[in-house]
Amino acid sequence: MPMDEWKATRQTPATEEQLARMKAS
């Protein structure tokens, strides 16, 4: 689906913990 639709219907806000794990990964 278009990215705007994905963000609106599927994506949730990232937490600080998720962002830290992503950076390390």
PDBML (XML) file of the C-alpha atoms, coordinates in Angstrom:
<?xml version="1.0" encoding="UTF-8" ?>
<PDBx:datablock datablockName="MODEL"
   xmlns:PDBx="http://pdbml.pdb.org/schema/pdbx-v50.xsd"
   xmlns:xsi="http://www.w3.org/2001/XMLSchema-instance"
   xsi:schemaLocation="http://pdbml.pdb.org/schema/pdbx-v50.xsd pdbx-v50.xsd">
   <PDBx:atom_siteCategory>
      <PDBx:atom_site id="1">
         <PDBx:B_iso_or_equiv>0.00</PDBx:B_iso_or_equiv>
         <PDBx:Cartn_x>0.000</PDBx:Cartn_x>
         <PDBx:Cartn_y>0.000</PDBx:Cartn_y>
         <PDBx:Cartn_z>0.000</PDBx:Cartn_z>
         <PDBx:auth_asym_id>A</PDBx:auth_asym_id>
         <PDBx:auth_atom_id>CA</PDBx:auth_atom_id>
         <PDBx:auth_comp_id>MET</PDBx:auth_comp_id>
         <PDBx:auth_seq_id>1</PDBx:auth_seq_id>
         <PDBx:group_PDB>ATOM</PDBx:group_PDB>
         <PDBx:label_alt_id xsi:nil="true" />
         <PDBx:label_asym_id>A</PDBx:label_asym_id>
         <PDBx:label_atom_id>CA</PDBx:label_atom_id>
         <PDBx:label_comp_id>MET</PDBx:label_comp_id>
         <PDBx:label_entity_id>1</PDBx:label_entity_id>
         <PDBx:label_seq_id>1</PDBx:label_seq_id>
         <PDBx:occupancy>1.00</PDBx:occupancy>
         <PDBx:pdbx_PDB_model_num>1</PDBx:pdbx_PDB_model_num>
         <PDBx:type_symbol>C</PDBx:type_symbol>
      </PDBx:atom_site>
      <PDBx:atom_site id="2">
         <PDBx:B_iso_or_equiv>0.00</PDBx:B_iso_or_equiv>
         <PDBx:Cartn_x>1.158</PDBx:Cartn_x>
         <PDBx:Cartn_y>3.615</PDBx:Cartn_y>
         <PDBx:Cartn_z>-0.311</PDBx:Cartn_z>
         <PDBx:auth_asym_id>A</PDBx:auth_asym_id>
         <PDBx:auth_atom_id>CA</PDBx:auth_atom_id>
         <PDBx:auth_comp_id>PRO</PDBx:auth_comp_id>
         <PDBx:auth_seq_id>2</PDBx:auth_seq_id>
         <PDBx:group_PDB>ATOM</PDBx:group_PDB>
         <PDBx:label_alt_id xsi:nil="true" />
         <PDBx:label_asym_id>A</PDBx:label_asym_id>
         <PDBx:label_atom_id>CA</PDBx:label_atom_id>
         <PDBx:label_comp_id>PRO</PDBx:label_comp_id>
         <PDBx:label_entity_id>1</PDBx:label_entity_id>
         <PDBx:label_seq_id>2</PDBx:label_seq_id>
         <PDBx:occupancy>1.00</PDBx:occupancy>
         <PDBx:pdbx_PDB_model_num>1</PDBx:pdbx_PDB_model_num>
         <PDBx:type_symbol>C</PDBx:type_symbol>
      </PDBx:atom_site>
      <PDBx:atom_site id="3">
         <PDBx:B_iso_or_equiv>0.00</PDBx:B_iso_or_equiv>
         <PDBx:Cartn_x>3.522</PDBx:Cartn_x>
         <PDBx:Cartn_y>4.685</PDBx:Cartn_y>
         <PDBx:Cartn_z>2.474</PDBx:Cartn_z>
         <PDBx:auth_asym_id>A</PDBx:auth_asym_id>
         <PDBx:auth_atom_id>CA</PDBx:auth_atom_id>
         <PDBx:auth_comp_id>MET</PDBx:auth_comp_id>
         <PDBx:auth_seq_id>3</PDBx:auth_seq_id>
         <PDBx:group_PDB>ATOM</PDBx:group_PDB>
         <PDBx:label_alt_id xsi:nil="true" />
         <PDBx:label_asym_id>A</PDBx:label_asym_id>
         <PDBx:label_atom_id>CA</PDBx:label_atom_id>
         <PDBx:label_comp_id>MET</PDBx:label_comp_id>
         <PDBx:label_entity_id>1</PDBx:label_entity_id>
         <PDBx:label_seq_id>3</PDBx:label_seq_id>
         <PDBx:occupancy>1.00</PDBx:occupancy>
         <PDBx:pdbx_PDB_model_num>1</PDBx:pdbx_PDB_model_num>
         <PDBx:type_symbol>C</PDBx:type_symbol>
      </PDBx:atom_site>
      <PDBx:atom_site id="4">
         <PDBx:B_iso_or_equiv>0.00</PDBx:B_iso_or_equiv>
         <PDBx:Cartn_x>1.115</PDBx:Cartn_x>
         <PDBx:Cartn_y>7.354</PDBx:Cartn_y>
         <PDBx:Cartn_z>3.781</PDBx:Cartn_z>
         <PDBx:auth_asym_id>A</PDBx:auth_asym_id>
         <PDBx:auth_atom_id>CA</PDBx:auth_atom_id>
         <PDBx:auth_comp_id>ASP</PDBx:auth_comp_id>
         <PDBx:auth_seq_id>4</PDBx:auth_seq_id>
         <PDBx:group_PDB>ATOM</PDBx:group_PDB>
         <PDBx:label_alt_id xsi:nil="true" />
         <PDBx:label_asym_id>A</PDBx:label_asym_id>
         <PDBx:label_atom_id>CA</PDBx:label_atom_id>
         <PDBx:label_comp_id>ASP</PDBx:label_comp_id>
         <PDBx:label_entity_id>1</PDBx:label_entity_id>
         <PDBx:label_seq_id>4</PDBx:label_seq_id>
         <PDBx:occupancy>1.00</PDBx:occupancy>
         <PDBx:pdbx_PDB_model_num>1</PDBx:pdbx_PDB_model_num>
         <PDBx:type_symbol>C</PDBx:type_symbol>
      </PDBx:atom_site>
      <PDBx:atom_site id="5">
         <PDBx:B_iso_or_equiv>0.00</PDBx:B_iso_or_equiv>
         <PDBx:Cartn_x>-1.590</PDBx:Cartn_x>
         <PDBx:Cartn_y>4.704</PDBx:Cartn_y>
         <PDBx:Cartn_z>4.173</PDBx:Cartn_z>
         <PDBx:auth_asym_id>A</PDBx:auth_asym_id>
         <PDBx:auth_atom_id>CA</PDBx:auth_atom_id>
         <PDBx:auth_comp_id>GLU</PDBx:auth_comp_id>
         <PDBx:auth_seq_id>5</PDBx:auth_seq_id>
         <PDBx:group_PDB>ATOM</PDBx:group_PDB>
         <PDBx:label_alt_id xsi:nil="true" />
         <PDBx:label_asym_id>A</PDBx:label_asym_id>
         <PDBx:label_atom_id>CA</PDBx:label_atom_id>
         <PDBx:label_comp_id>GLU</PDBx:label_comp_id>
         <PDBx:label_entity_id>1</PDBx:label_entity_id>
         <PDBx:label_seq_id>5</PDBx:label_seq_id>
         <PDBx:occupancy>1.00</PDBx:occupancy>
         <PDBx:pdbx_PDB_model_num>1</PDBx:pdbx_PDB_model_num>
         <PDBx:type_symbol>C</PDBx:type_symbol>
      </PDBx:atom_site>
      <PDBx:atom_site id="6">
         <PDBx:B_iso_or_equiv>0.00</PDBx:B_iso_or_equiv>
         <PDBx:Cartn_x>0.876</PDBx:Cartn_x>
         <PDBx:Cartn_y>2.342</PDBx:Cartn_y>
         <PDBx:Cartn_z>5.886</PDBx:Cartn_z>
         <PDBx:auth_asym_id>A</PDBx:auth_asym_id>
         <PDBx:auth_atom_id>CA</PDBx:auth_atom_id>
         <PDBx:auth_comp_id>TRP</PDBx:auth_comp_id>
         <PDBx:auth_seq_id>6</PDBx:auth_seq_id>
         <PDBx:group_PDB>ATOM</PDBx:group_PDB>
         <PDBx:label_alt_id xsi:nil="true" />
         <PDBx:label_asym_id>A</PDBx:label_asym_id>
         <PDBx:label_atom_id>CA</PDBx:label_atom_id>
         <PDBx:label_comp_id>TRP</PDBx:label_comp_id>
         <PDBx:label_entity_id>1</PDBx:label_entity_id>
         <PDBx:label_seq_id>6</PDBx:label_seq_id>
         <PDBx:occupancy>1.00</PDBx:occupancy>
         <PDBx:pdbx_PDB_model_num>1</PDBx:pdbx_PDB_model_num>
         <PDBx:type_symbol>C</PDBx:type_symbol>
      </PDBx:atom_site>
      <PDBx:atom_site id="7">
         <PDBx:B_iso_or_equiv>0.00</PDBx:B_iso_or_equiv>
         <PDBx:Cartn_x>1.902</PDBx:Cartn_x>
         <PDBx:Cartn_y>5.019</PDBx:Cartn_y>
         <PDBx:Cartn_z>8.372</PDBx:Cartn_z>
         <PDBx:auth_asym_id>A</PDBx:auth_asym_id>
         <PDBx:auth_atom_id>CA</PDBx:auth_atom_id>
         <PDBx:auth_comp_id>LYS</PDBx:auth_comp_id>
         <PDBx:auth_seq_id>7</PDBx:auth_seq_id>
         <PDBx:group_PDB>ATOM</PDBx:group_PDB>
         <PDBx:label_alt_id xsi:nil="true" />
         <PDBx:label_asym_id>A</PDBx:label_asym_id>
         <PDBx:label_atom_id>CA</PDBx:label_atom_id>
         <PDBx:label_comp_id>LYS</PDBx:label_comp_id>
         <PDBx:label_entity_id>1</PDBx:label_entity_id>
         <PDBx:label_seq_id>7</PDBx:label_seq_id>
         <PDBx:occupancy>1.00</PDBx:occupancy>
         <PDBx:pdbx_PDB_model_num>1</PDBx:pdbx_PDB_model_num>
         <PDBx:type_symbol>C</PDBx:type_symbol>
      </PDBx:atom_site>
      <PDBx:atom_site id="8">
         <PDBx:B_iso_or_equiv>0.00</PDBx:B_iso_or_equiv>
         <PDBx:Cartn_x>-1.709</PDBx:Cartn_x>
         <PDBx:Cartn_y>5.983</PDBx:Cartn_y>
         <PDBx:Cartn_z>9.102</PDBx:Cartn_z>
         <PDBx:auth_asym_id>A</PDBx:auth_asym_id>
         <PDBx:auth_atom_id>CA</PDBx:auth_atom_id>
         <PDBx:auth_comp_id>ALA</PDBx:auth_comp_id>
         <PDBx:auth_seq_id>8</PDBx:auth_seq_id>
         <PDBx:group_PDB>ATOM</PDBx:group_PDB>
         <PDBx:label_alt_id xsi:nil="true" />
         <PDBx:label_asym_id>A</PDBx:label_asym_id>
         <PDBx:label_atom_id>CA</PDBx:label_atom_id>
         <PDBx:label_comp_id>ALA</PDBx:label_comp_id>
         <PDBx:label_entity_id>1</PDBx:label_entity_id>
         <PDBx:label_seq_id>8</PDBx:label_seq_id>
         <PDBx:occupancy>1.00</PDBx:occupancy>
         <PDBx:pdbx_PDB_model_num>1</PDBx:pdbx_PDB_model_num>
         <PDBx:type_symbol>C</PDBx:type_symbol>
      </PDBx:atom_site>
      <PDBx:atom_site id="9">
         <PDBx:B_iso_or_equiv>0.00</PDBx:B_iso_or_equiv>
         <PDBx:Cartn_x>-3.046</PDBx:Cartn_x>
         <PDBx:Cartn_y>2.449</PDBx:Cartn_y>
         <PDBx:Cartn_z>9.538</PDBx:Cartn_z>
         <PDBx:auth_asym_id>A</PDBx:auth_asym_id>
         <PDBx:auth_atom_id>CA</PDBx:auth_atom_id>
         <PDBx:auth_comp_id>THR</PDBx:auth_comp_id>
         <PDBx:auth_seq_id>9</PDBx:auth_seq_id>
         <PDBx:group_PDB>ATOM</PDBx:group_PDB>
         <PDBx:label_alt_id xsi:nil="true" />
         <PDBx:label_asym_id>A</PDBx:label_asym_id>
         <PDBx:label_atom_id>CA</PDBx:label_atom_id>
         <PDBx:label_comp_id>THR</PDBx:label_comp_id>
         <PDBx:label_entity_id>1</PDBx:label_entity_id>
         <PDBx:label_seq_id>9</PDBx:label_seq_id>
         <PDBx:occupancy>1.00</PDBx:occupancy>
         <PDBx:pdbx_PDB_model_num>1</PDBx:pdbx_PDB_model_num>
         <PDBx:type_symbol>C</PDBx:type_symbol>
      </PDBx:atom_site>
      <PDBx:atom_site id="10">
         <PDBx:B_iso_or_equiv>0.00</PDBx:B_iso_or_equiv>
         <PDBx:Cartn_x>-0.121</PDBx:Cartn_x>
         <PDBx:Cartn_y>0.271</PDBx:Cartn_y>
         <PDBx:Cartn_z>10.605</PDBx:Cartn_z>
         <PDBx:auth_asym_id>A</PDBx:auth_asym_id>
         <PDBx:auth_atom_id>CA</PDBx:auth_atom_id>
         <PDBx:auth_comp_id>ARG</PDBx:auth_comp_id>
         <PDBx:auth_seq_id>10</PDBx:auth_seq_id>
         <PDBx:group_PDB>ATOM</PDBx:group_PDB>
         <PDBx:label_alt_id xsi:nil="true" />
         <PDBx:label_asym_id>A</PDBx:label_asym_id>
         <PDBx:label_atom_id>CA</PDBx:label_atom_id>
         <PDBx:label_comp_id>ARG</PDBx:label_comp_id>
         <PDBx:label_entity_id>1</PDBx:label_entity_id>
         <PDBx:label_seq_id>10</PDBx:label_seq_id>
         <PDBx:occupancy>1.00</PDBx:occupancy>
         <PDBx:pdbx_PDB_model_num>1</PDBx:pdbx_PDB_model_num>
         <PDBx:type_symbol>C</PDBx:type_symbol>
      </PDBx:atom_site>
      <PDBx:atom_site id="11">
         <PDBx:B_iso_or_equiv>0.00</PDBx:B_iso_or_equiv>
         <PDBx:Cartn_x>2.742</PDBx:Cartn_x>
         <PDBx:Cartn_y>2.254</PDBx:Cartn_y>
         <PDBx:Cartn_z>12.123</PDBx:Cartn_z>
         <PDBx:auth_asym_id>A</PDBx:auth_asym_id>
         <PDBx:auth_atom_id>CA</PDBx:auth_atom_id>
         <PDBx:auth_comp_id>GLN</PDBx:auth_comp_id>
         <PDBx:auth_seq_id>11</PDBx:auth_seq_id>
         <PDBx:group_PDB>ATOM</PDBx:group_PDB>
         <PDBx:label_alt_id xsi:nil="true" />
         <PDBx:label_asym_id>A</PDBx:label_asym_id>
         <PDBx:label_atom_id>CA</PDBx:label_atom_id>
         <PDBx:label_comp_id>GLN</PDBx:label_comp_id>
         <PDBx:label_entity_id>1</PDBx:label_entity_id>
         <PDBx:label_seq_id>11</PDBx:label_seq_id>
         <PDBx:occupancy>1.00</PDBx:occupancy>
         <PDBx:pdbx_PDB_model_num>1</PDBx:pdbx_PDB_model_num>
         <PDBx:type_symbol>C</PDBx:type_symbol>
      </PDBx:atom_site>
      <PDBx:atom_site id="12">
         <PDBx:B_iso_or_equiv>0.00</PDBx:B_iso_or_equiv>
         <PDBx:Cartn_x>2.866</PDBx:Cartn_x>
         <PDBx:Cartn_y>3.051</PDBx:Cartn_y>
         <PDBx:Cartn_z>15.812</PDBx:Cartn_z>
         <PDBx:auth_asym_id>A</PDBx:auth_asym_id>
         <PDBx:auth_atom_id>CA</PDBx:auth_atom_id>
         <PDBx:auth_comp_id>THR</PDBx:auth_comp_id>
         <PDBx:auth_seq_id>12</PDBx:auth_seq_id>
         <PDBx:group_PDB>ATOM</PDBx:group_PDB>
         <PDBx:label_alt_id xsi:nil="true" />
         <PDBx:label_asym_id>A</PDBx:label_asym_id>
         <PDBx:label_atom_id>CA</PDBx:label_atom_id>
         <PDBx:label_comp_id>THR</PDBx:label_comp_id>
         <PDBx:label_entity_id>1</PDBx:label_entity_id>
         <PDBx:label_seq_id>12</PDBx:label_seq_id>
         <PDBx:occupancy>1.00</PDBx:occupancy>
         <PDBx:pdbx_PDB_model_num>1</PDBx:pdbx_PDB_model_num>
         <PDBx:type_symbol>C</PDBx:type_symbol>
      </PDBx:atom_site>
      <PDBx:atom_site id="13">
         <PDBx:B_iso_or_equiv>0.00</PDBx:B_iso_or_equiv>
         <PDBx:Cartn_x>5.094</PDBx:Cartn_x>
         <PDBx:Cartn_y>5.681</PDBx:Cartn_y>
         <PDBx:Cartn_z>17.434</PDBx:Cartn_z>
         <PDBx:auth_asym_id>A</PDBx:auth_asym_id>
         <PDBx:auth_atom_id>CA</PDBx:auth_atom_id>
         <PDBx:auth_comp_id>PRO</PDBx:auth_comp_id>
         <PDBx:auth_seq_id>13</PDBx:auth_seq_id>
         <PDBx:group_PDB>ATOM</PDBx:group_PDB>
         <PDBx:label_alt_id xsi:nil="true" />
         <PDBx:label_asym_id>A</PDBx:label_asym_id>
         <PDBx:label_atom_id>CA</PDBx:label_atom_id>
         <PDBx:label_comp_id>PRO</PDBx:label_comp_id>
         <PDBx:label_entity_id>1</PDBx:label_entity_id>
         <PDBx:label_seq_id>13</PDBx:label_seq_id>
         <PDBx:occupancy>1.00</PDBx:occupancy>
         <PDBx:pdbx_PDB_model_num>1</PDBx:pdbx_PDB_model_num>
         <PDBx:type_symbol>C</PDBx:type_symbol>
      </PDBx:atom_site>
      <PDBx:atom_site id="14">
         <PDBx:B_iso_or_equiv>0.00</PDBx:B_iso_or_equiv>
         <PDBx:Cartn_x>8.578</PDBx:Cartn_x>
         <PDBx:Cartn_y>4.439</PDBx:Cartn_y>
         <PDBx:Cartn_z>18.322</PDBx:Cartn_z>
         <PDBx:auth_asym_id>A</PDBx:auth_asym_id>
         <PDBx:auth_atom_id>CA</PDBx:auth_atom_id>
         <PDBx:auth_comp_id>ALA</PDBx:auth_comp_id>
         <PDBx:auth_seq_id>14</PDBx:auth_seq_id>
         <PDBx:group_PDB>ATOM</PDBx:group_PDB>
         <PDBx:label_alt_id xsi:nil="true" />
         <PDBx:label_asym_id>A</PDBx:label_asym_id>
         <PDBx:label_atom_id>CA</PDBx:label_atom_id>
         <PDBx:label_comp_id>ALA</PDBx:label_comp_id>
         <PDBx:label_entity_id>1</PDBx:label_entity_id>
         <PDBx:label_seq_id>14</PDBx:label_seq_id>
         <PDBx:occupancy>1.00</PDBx:occupancy>
         <PDBx:pdbx_PDB_model_num>1</PDBx:pdbx_PDB_model_num>
         <PDBx:type_symbol>C</PDBx:type_symbol>
      </PDBx:atom_site>
      <PDBx:atom_site id="15">
         <PDBx:B_iso_or_equiv>0.00</PDBx:B_iso_or_equiv>
         <PDBx:Cartn_x>9.663</PDBx:Cartn_x>
         <PDBx:Cartn_y>4.439</PDBx:Cartn_y>
         <PDBx:Cartn_z>21.942</PDBx:Cartn_z>
         <PDBx:auth_asym_id>A</PDBx:auth_asym_id>
         <PDBx:auth_atom_id>CA</PDBx:auth_atom_id>
         <PDBx:auth_comp_id>THR</PDBx:auth_comp_id>
         <PDBx:auth_seq_id>15</PDBx:auth_seq_id>
         <PDBx:group_PDB>ATOM</PDBx:group_PDB>
         <PDBx:label_alt_id xsi:nil="true" />
         <PDBx:label_asym_id>A</PDBx:label_asym_id>
         <PDBx:label_atom_id>CA</PDBx:label_atom_id>
         <PDBx:label_comp_id>THR</PDBx:label_comp_id>
         <PDBx:label_entity_id>1</PDBx:label_entity_id>
         <PDBx:label_seq_id>15</PDBx:label_seq_id>
         <PDBx:occupancy>1.00</PDBx:occupancy>
         <PDBx:pdbx_PDB_model_num>1</PDBx:pdbx_PDB_model_num>
         <PDBx:type_symbol>C</PDBx:type_symbol>
      </PDBx:atom_site>
      <PDBx:atom_site id="16">
         <PDBx:B_iso_or_equiv>0.00</PDBx:B_iso_or_equiv>
         <PDBx:Cartn_x>13.071</PDBx:Cartn_x>
         <PDBx:Cartn_y>5.595</PDBx:Cartn_y>
         <PDBx:Cartn_z>23.122</PDBx:Cartn_z>
         <PDBx:auth_asym_id>A</PDBx:auth_asym_id>
         <PDBx:auth_atom_id>CA</PDBx:auth_atom_id>
         <PDBx:auth_comp_id>GLU</PDBx:auth_comp_id>
         <PDBx:auth_seq_id>16</PDBx:auth_seq_id>
         <PDBx:group_PDB>ATOM</PDBx:group_PDB>
         <PDBx:label_alt_id xsi:nil="true" />
         <PDBx:label_asym_id>A</PDBx:label_asym_id>
         <PDBx:label_atom_id>CA</PDBx:label_atom_id>
         <PDBx:label_comp_id>GLU</PDBx:label_comp_id>
         <PDBx:label_entity_id>1</PDBx:label_entity_id>
         <PDBx:label_seq_id>16</PDBx:label_seq_id>
         <PDBx:occupancy>1.00</PDBx:occupancy>
         <PDBx:pdbx_PDB_model_num>1</PDBx:pdbx_PDB_model_num>
         <PDBx:type_symbol>C</PDBx:type_symbol>
      </PDBx:atom_site>
      <PDBx:atom_site id="17">
         <PDBx:B_iso_or_equiv>0.00</PDBx:B_iso_or_equiv>
         <PDBx:Cartn_x>13.901</PDBx:Cartn_x>
         <PDBx:Cartn_y>1.953</PDBx:Cartn_y>
         <PDBx:Cartn_z>23.910</PDBx:Cartn_z>
         <PDBx:auth_asym_id>A</PDBx:auth_asym_id>
         <PDBx:auth_atom_id>CA</PDBx:auth_atom_id>
         <PDBx:auth_comp_id>GLU</PDBx:auth_comp_id>
         <PDBx:auth_seq_id>17</PDBx:auth_seq_id>
         <PDBx:group_PDB>ATOM</PDBx:group_PDB>
         <PDBx:label_alt_id xsi:nil="true" />
         <PDBx:label_asym_id>A</PDBx:label_asym_id>
         <PDBx:label_atom_id>CA</PDBx:label_atom_id>
         <PDBx:label_comp_id>GLU</PDBx:label_comp_id>
         <PDBx:label_entity_id>1</PDBx:label_entity_id>
         <PDBx:label_seq_id>17</PDBx:label_seq_id>
         <PDBx:occupancy>1.00</PDBx:occupancy>
         <PDBx:pdbx_PDB_model_num>1</PDBx:pdbx_PDB_model_num>
         <PDBx:type_symbol>C</PDBx:type_symbol>
      </PDBx:atom_site>
      <PDBx:atom_site id="18">
         <PDBx:B_iso_or_equiv>0.00</PDBx:B_iso_or_equiv>
         <PDBx:Cartn_x>13.014</PDBx:Cartn_x>
         <PDBx:Cartn_y>0.856</PDBx:Cartn_y>
         <PDBx:Cartn_z>20.363</PDBx:Cartn_z>
         <PDBx:auth_asym_id>A</PDBx:auth_asym_id>
         <PDBx:auth_atom_id>CA</PDBx:auth_atom_id>
         <PDBx:auth_comp_id>GLN</PDBx:auth_comp_id>
         <PDBx:auth_seq_id>18</PDBx:auth_seq_id>
         <PDBx:group_PDB>ATOM</PDBx:group_PDB>
         <PDBx:label_alt_id xsi:nil="true" />
         <PDBx:label_asym_id>A</PDBx:label_asym_id>
         <PDBx:label_atom_id>CA</PDBx:label_atom_id>
         <PDBx:label_comp_id>GLN</PDBx:label_comp_id>
         <PDBx:label_entity_id>1</PDBx:label_entity_id>
         <PDBx:label_seq_id>18</PDBx:label_seq_id>
         <PDBx:occupancy>1.00</PDBx:occupancy>
         <PDBx:pdbx_PDB_model_num>1</PDBx:pdbx_PDB_model_num>
         <PDBx:type_symbol>C</PDBx:type_symbol>
      </PDBx:atom_site>
      <PDBx:atom_site id="19">
         <PDBx:B_iso_or_equiv>0.00</PDBx:B_iso_or_equiv>
         <PDBx:Cartn_x>15.104</PDBx:Cartn_x>
         <PDBx:Cartn_y>3.657</PDBx:Cartn_y>
         <PDBx:Cartn_z>18.882</PDBx:Cartn_z>
         <PDBx:auth_asym_id>A</PDBx:auth_asym_id>
         <PDBx:auth_atom_id>CA</PDBx:auth_atom_id>
         <PDBx:auth_comp_id>LEU</PDBx:auth_comp_id>
         <PDBx:auth_seq_id>19</PDBx:auth_seq_id>
         <PDBx:group_PDB>ATOM</PDBx:group_PDB>
         <PDBx:label_alt_id xsi:nil="true" />
         <PDBx:label_asym_id>A</PDBx:label_asym_id>
         <PDBx:label_atom_id>CA</PDBx:label_atom_id>
         <PDBx:label_comp_id>LEU</PDBx:label_comp_id>
         <PDBx:label_entity_id>1</PDBx:label_entity_id>
         <PDBx:label_seq_id>19</PDBx:label_seq_id>
         <PDBx:occupancy>1.00</PDBx:occupancy>
         <PDBx:pdbx_PDB_model_num>1</PDBx:pdbx_PDB_model_num>
         <PDBx:type_symbol>C</PDBx:type_symbol>
      </PDBx:atom_site>
      <PDBx:atom_site id="20">
         <PDBx:B_iso_or_equiv>0.00</PDBx:B_iso_or_equiv>
         <PDBx:Cartn_x>18.081</PDBx:Cartn_x>
         <PDBx:Cartn_y>2.695</PDBx:Cartn_y>
         <PDBx:Cartn_z>21.047</PDBx:Cartn_z>
         <PDBx:auth_asym_id>A</PDBx:auth_asym_id>
         <PDBx:auth_atom_id>CA</PDBx:auth_atom_id>
         <PDBx:auth_comp_id>ALA</PDBx:auth_comp_id>
         <PDBx:auth_seq_id>20</PDBx:auth_seq_id>
         <PDBx:group_PDB>ATOM</PDBx:group_PDB>
         <PDBx:label_alt_id xsi:nil="true" />
         <PDBx:label_asym_id>A</PDBx:label_asym_id>
         <PDBx:label_atom_id>CA</PDBx:label_atom_id>
         <PDBx:label_comp_id>ALA</PDBx:label_comp_id>
         <PDBx:label_entity_id>1</PDBx:label_entity_id>
         <PDBx:label_seq_id>20</PDBx:label_seq_id>
         <PDBx:occupancy>1.00</PDBx:occupancy>
         <PDBx:pdbx_PDB_model_num>1</PDBx:pdbx_PDB_model_num>
         <PDBx:type_symbol>C</PDBx:type_symbol>
      </PDBx:atom_site>
      <PDBx:atom_site id="21">
         <PDBx:B_iso_or_equiv>0.00</PDBx:B_iso_or_equiv>
         <PDBx:Cartn_x>17.794</PDBx:Cartn_x>
         <PDBx:Cartn_y>-0.989</PDBx:Cartn_y>
         <PDBx:Cartn_z>20.020</PDBx:Cartn_z>
         <PDBx:auth_asym_id>A</PDBx:auth_asym_id>
         <PDBx:auth_atom_id>CA</PDBx:auth_atom_id>
         <PDBx:auth_comp_id>ARG</PDBx:auth_comp_id>
         <PDBx:auth_seq_id>21</PDBx:auth_seq_id>
         <PDBx:group_PDB>ATOM</PDBx:group_PDB>
         <PDBx:label_alt_id xsi:nil="true" />
         <PDBx:label_asym_id>A</PDBx:label_asym_id>
         <PDBx:label_atom_id>CA</PDBx:label_atom_id>
         <PDBx:label_comp_id>ARG</PDBx:label_comp_id>
         <PDBx:label_entity_id>1</PDBx:label_entity_id>
         <PDBx:label_seq_id>21</PDBx:label_seq_id>
         <PDBx:occupancy>1.00</PDBx:occupancy>
         <PDBx:pdbx_PDB_model_num>1</PDBx:pdbx_PDB_model_num>
         <PDBx:type_symbol>C</PDBx:type_symbol>
      </PDBx:atom_site>
      <PDBx:atom_site id="22">
         <PDBx:B_iso_or_equiv>0.00</PDBx:B_iso_or_equiv>
         <PDBx:Cartn_x>17.568</PDBx:Cartn_x>
         <PDBx:Cartn_y>0.043</PDBx:Cartn_y>
         <PDBx:Cartn_z>16.368</PDBx:Cartn_z>
         <PDBx:auth_asym_id>A</PDBx:auth_asym_id>
         <PDBx:auth_atom_id>CA</PDBx:auth_atom_id>
         <PDBx:auth_comp_id>MET</PDBx:auth_comp_id>
         <PDBx:auth_seq_id>22</PDBx:auth_seq_id>
         <PDBx:group_PDB>ATOM</PDBx:group_PDB>
         <PDBx:label_alt_id xsi:nil="true" />
         <PDBx:label_asym_id>A</PDBx:label_asym_id>
         <PDBx:label_atom_id>CA</PDBx:label_atom_id>
         <PDBx:label_comp_id>MET</PDBx:label_comp_id>
         <PDBx:label_entity_id>1</PDBx:label_entity_id>
         <PDBx:label_seq_id>22</PDBx:label_seq_id>
         <PDBx:occupancy>1.00</PDBx:occupancy>
         <PDBx:pdbx_PDB_model_num>1</PDBx:pdbx_PDB_model_num>
         <PDBx:type_symbol>C</PDBx:type_symbol>
      </PDBx:atom_site>
      <PDBx:atom_site id="23">
         <PDBx:B_iso_or_equiv>0.00</PDBx:B_iso_or_equiv>
         <PDBx:Cartn_x>20.674</PDBx:Cartn_x>
         <PDBx:Cartn_y>2.236</PDBx:Cartn_y>
         <PDBx:Cartn_z>16.647</PDBx:Cartn_z>
         <PDBx:auth_asym_id>A</PDBx:auth_asym_id>
         <PDBx:auth_atom_id>CA</PDBx:auth_atom_id>
         <PDBx:auth_comp_id>LYS</PDBx:auth_comp_id>
         <PDBx:auth_seq_id>23</PDBx:auth_seq_id>
         <PDBx:group_PDB>ATOM</PDBx:group_PDB>
         <PDBx:label_alt_id xsi:nil="true" />
         <PDBx:label_asym_id>A</PDBx:label_asym_id>
         <PDBx:label_atom_id>CA</PDBx:label_atom_id>
         <PDBx:label_comp_id>LYS</PDBx:label_comp_id>
         <PDBx:label_entity_id>1</PDBx:label_entity_id>
         <PDBx:label_seq_id>23</PDBx:label_seq_id>
         <PDBx:occupancy>1.00</PDBx:occupancy>
         <PDBx:pdbx_PDB_model_num>1</PDBx:pdbx_PDB_model_num>
         <PDBx:type_symbol>C</PDBx:type_symbol>
      </PDBx:atom_site>
      <PDBx:atom_site id="24">
         <PDBx:B_iso_or_equiv>0.00</PDBx:B_iso_or_equiv>
         <PDBx:Cartn_x>22.682</PDBx:Cartn_x>
         <PDBx:Cartn_y>-0.576</PDBx:Cartn_y>
         <PDBx:Cartn_z>18.266</PDBx:Cartn_z>
         <PDBx:auth_asym_id>A</PDBx:auth_asym_id>
         <PDBx:auth_atom_id>CA</PDBx:auth_atom_id>
         <PDBx:auth_comp_id>ALA</PDBx:auth_comp_id>
         <PDBx:auth_seq_id>24</PDBx:auth_seq_id>
         <PDBx:group_PDB>ATOM</PDBx:group_PDB>
         <PDBx:label_alt_id xsi:nil="true" />
         <PDBx:label_asym_id>A</PDBx:label_asym_id>
         <PDBx:label_atom_id>CA</PDBx:label_atom_id>
         <PDBx:label_comp_id>ALA</PDBx:label_comp_id>
         <PDBx:label_entity_id>1</PDBx:label_entity_id>
         <PDBx:label_seq_id>24</PDBx:label_seq_id>
         <PDBx:occupancy>1.00</PDBx:occupancy>
         <PDBx:pdbx_PDB_model_num>1</PDBx:pdbx_PDB_model_num>
         <PDBx:type_symbol>C</PDBx:type_symbol>
      </PDBx:atom_site>
      <PDBx:atom_site id="25">
         <PDBx:B_iso_or_equiv>0.00</PDBx:B_iso_or_equiv>
         <PDBx:Cartn_x>21.436</PDBx:Cartn_x>
         <PDBx:Cartn_y>-3.118</PDBx:Cartn_y>
         <PDBx:Cartn_z>15.734</PDBx:Cartn_z>
         <PDBx:auth_asym_id>A</PDBx:auth_asym_id>
         <PDBx:auth_atom_id>CA</PDBx:auth_atom_id>
         <PDBx:auth_comp_id>SER</PDBx:auth_comp_id>
         <PDBx:auth_seq_id>25</PDBx:auth_seq_id>
         <PDBx:group_PDB>ATOM</PDBx:group_PDB>
         <PDBx:label_alt_id xsi:nil="true" />
         <PDBx:label_asym_id>A</PDBx:label_asym_id>
         <PDBx:label_atom_id>CA</PDBx:label_atom_id>
         <PDBx:label_comp_id>SER</PDBx:label_comp_id>
         <PDBx:label_entity_id>1</PDBx:label_entity_id>
         <PDBx:label_seq_id>25</PDBx:label_seq_id>
         <PDBx:occupancy>1.00</PDBx:occupancy>
         <PDBx:pdbx_PDB_model_num>1</PDBx:pdbx_PDB_model_num>
         <PDBx:type_symbol>C</PDBx:type_symbol>
      </PDBx:atom_site>
   </PDBx:atom_siteCategory>
</PDBx:datablock>
